[in-house]
Each structure stands twice: as C-alpha cells, then as structure tokens.
Amino acid sequence: MDPCPSDSWRVSSQEKHLKEGGKQDEAVTVSKKRLPAVNMEEMAEKERLRKEVAQLRREAALERMKVSQCCEDLREYVLQNAANDPLLKGVPDDKNPYKEIKGGCVIS
C-alpha cells in the first residue's frame, strides 16, 4: 500500500525530533499525530460547484430581451431578405450546381 502524505510528515517529524536530541519514545508519540485527511471526492464536488456558480454568474450578467421583441426582429429580418432567399424564390437553372445533366455518353 502506498504511503499517504501524512505518513511522510510523520517520518520527517520523527527524524527531526531525533536529530534535536529527543528520545525514541517521544518521537513515537510525535509520529502518532495525524494531519486532517483530504477527501478528494469532496474537493472535486466543491470545484464542480465553484465552476457551476461562476457559469451562473456569467449567465445572470447577460443582457436579456423579451421573446416578443426577438420574434418581431426576426420577422423583420426575414421580410427584408426574402428577395435574396433561394428557398423562397428558387435557384435559377443556370446557377444550380445540383441540376441533373441531360444527355449522356453513348458507347458504341
């Protein structure tokens, strides 16, 4: 099993204690202290929530328009550009790239 980060803290504090002239028994009691455990899932959840809050703040800052106003603007745009719309007026045969070629190749 891999040692957790708190294990390395315990080992280094024990070595430090022994270098300073401390006794072995005292070093053992120092090594029994634990750092608070970090739950990675909890951190991931917090990070996800932070991102979600940031996104909601960006969305709340957007300028909003009424749906009725948007519909009216869209209607006006369609009417202004109806003359140039190939779906409404059609495509001339000479400019249609999908026009079927009449005739064919005769092999004799």
Protein backbone atom coordinates (compact mmCIF):
# COMPACT_ATOMS: atom_id res chain seq x y z
CA MET A 1 0.00 0.00 0.00
CA ASP A 2 1.31 3.46 -0.90
CA PRO A 3 2.08 5.75 2.00
CA CYS A 4 -0.23 8.73 2.26
CA PRO A 5 1.15 12.32 2.51
CA SER A 6 0.55 12.31 6.26
CA ASP A 7 2.96 9.32 6.56
CA SER A 8 5.82 11.35 5.11
CA TRP A 9 5.02 14.15 7.57
CA ARG A 10 5.20 11.67 10.46
CA VAL A 11 8.55 10.26 9.31
CA SER A 12 10.12 13.68 8.78
CA SER A 13 8.88 14.97 12.15
CA GLN A 14 10.26 11.86 13.85
CA GLU A 15 13.66 12.30 12.17
CA LYS A 16 13.71 15.98 13.15
CA HIS A 17 12.85 15.11 16.74
CA LEU A 18 15.63 12.52 16.95
CA LYS A 19 18.21 14.90 15.40
CA GLU A 20 17.37 17.51 18.02
CA GLY A 21 18.34 15.02 20.71
CA GLY A 22 14.90 13.77 21.59
CA LYS A 23 14.27 10.27 22.86
CA GLN A 24 12.89 7.47 20.74
CA ASP A 25 9.73 7.15 22.88
CA GLU A 26 8.94 10.84 22.50
CA ALA A 27 9.47 10.54 18.74
CA VAL A 28 6.92 7.73 18.59
CA THR A 29 4.29 9.87 20.29
CA VAL A 30 5.01 12.66 17.80
CA SER A 31 4.56 10.23 14.92
CA LYS A 32 1.08 9.24 16.14
CA LYS A 33 -0.27 12.73 15.44
CA ARG A 34 -2.32 12.87 12.25
CA LEU A 35 -2.91 15.60 9.73
CA PRO A 36 -6.50 16.17 8.67
CA ALA A 37 -7.42 13.84 5.84
CA VAL A 38 -8.27 15.44 2.50
CA ASN A 39 -11.22 13.85 0.77
CA MET A 40 -10.57 14.09 -2.98
CA GLU A 41 -14.22 13.46 -3.86
CA GLU A 42 -15.29 16.32 -1.62
CA MET A 43 -12.70 18.60 -3.24
CA ALA A 44 -13.91 17.58 -6.70
CA GLU A 45 -17.51 18.32 -5.70
CA LYS A 46 -16.53 21.74 -4.35
CA GLU A 47 -14.61 22.55 -7.54
CA ARG A 48 -17.59 21.48 -9.66
CA LEU A 49 -19.90 23.67 -7.61
CA ARG A 50 -17.49 26.63 -7.90
CA LYS A 51 -17.49 26.26 -11.69
CA GLU A 52 -21.26 26.00 -11.76
CA VAL A 53 -21.65 29.15 -9.66
CA ALA A 54 -19.22 31.01 -11.94
CA GLN A 55 -21.21 29.92 -15.00
CA LEU A 56 -24.49 31.02 -13.41
CA ARG A 57 -22.98 34.42 -12.62
CA ARG A 58 -21.89 34.83 -16.25
CA GLU A 59 -25.37 33.89 -17.46
CA ALA A 60 -27.03 36.28 -15.00
CA ALA A 61 -24.87 39.14 -16.29
CA LEU A 62 -26.09 38.68 -19.89
CA GLU A 63 -28.43 41.30 -21.31
CA ARG A 64 -31.90 39.79 -21.77
CA MET A 65 -34.54 40.62 -24.37
CA LYS A 66 -38.22 39.85 -24.36
CA VAL A 67 -39.24 36.96 -26.58
CA SER A 68 -41.85 39.12 -28.32
CA GLN A 69 -39.15 41.65 -29.27
CA CYS A 70 -36.87 38.90 -30.60
CA CYS A 71 -39.72 37.46 -32.69
CA GLU A 72 -40.51 40.87 -34.15
CA ASP A 73 -36.84 41.46 -35.04
CA LEU A 74 -36.60 38.03 -36.68
CA ARG A 75 -39.80 38.63 -38.68
CA GLU A 76 -38.48 41.95 -39.97
CA TYR A 77 -35.15 40.37 -40.96
CA VAL A 78 -36.87 37.57 -42.89
CA LEU A 79 -39.13 40.01 -44.74
CA GLN A 80 -36.18 42.28 -45.66
CA ASN A 81 -34.15 39.38 -47.05
CA ALA A 82 -36.96 37.41 -48.69
CA ALA A 83 -35.97 38.57 -52.18
CA ASN A 84 -32.49 37.01 -51.80
CA ASP A 85 -33.63 33.77 -50.14
CA PRO A 86 -33.14 30.82 -52.52
CA LEU A 87 -35.55 28.69 -50.51
CA LEU A 88 -38.38 31.13 -51.16
CA LYS A 89 -37.66 32.22 -54.74
CA GLY A 90 -35.78 29.19 -56.06
CA VAL A 91 -32.43 28.79 -57.76
CA PRO A 92 -32.06 29.60 -61.45
CA ASP A 93 -31.24 26.55 -63.56
CA ASP A 94 -28.01 28.03 -64.87
CA LYS A 95 -26.67 28.56 -61.31
CA ASN A 96 -27.92 25.32 -59.78
CA PRO A 97 -24.92 23.05 -59.02
CA TYR A 98 -27.27 20.10 -58.37
CA LYS A 99 -29.13 20.28 -61.67
CA GLU A 100 -29.22 16.96 -63.45
CA ILE A 101 -27.21 16.84 -66.61
CA LYS A 102 -29.35 15.92 -69.57
CA GLY A 103 -27.88 13.73 -72.15
CA GLY A 104 -25.22 11.23 -71.59
CA CYS A 105 -22.46 9.22 -73.05
CA VAL A 106 -23.15 6.85 -75.85
CA ILE A 107 -20.83 3.89 -76.16
CA SER A 108 -20.86 2.07 -79.43
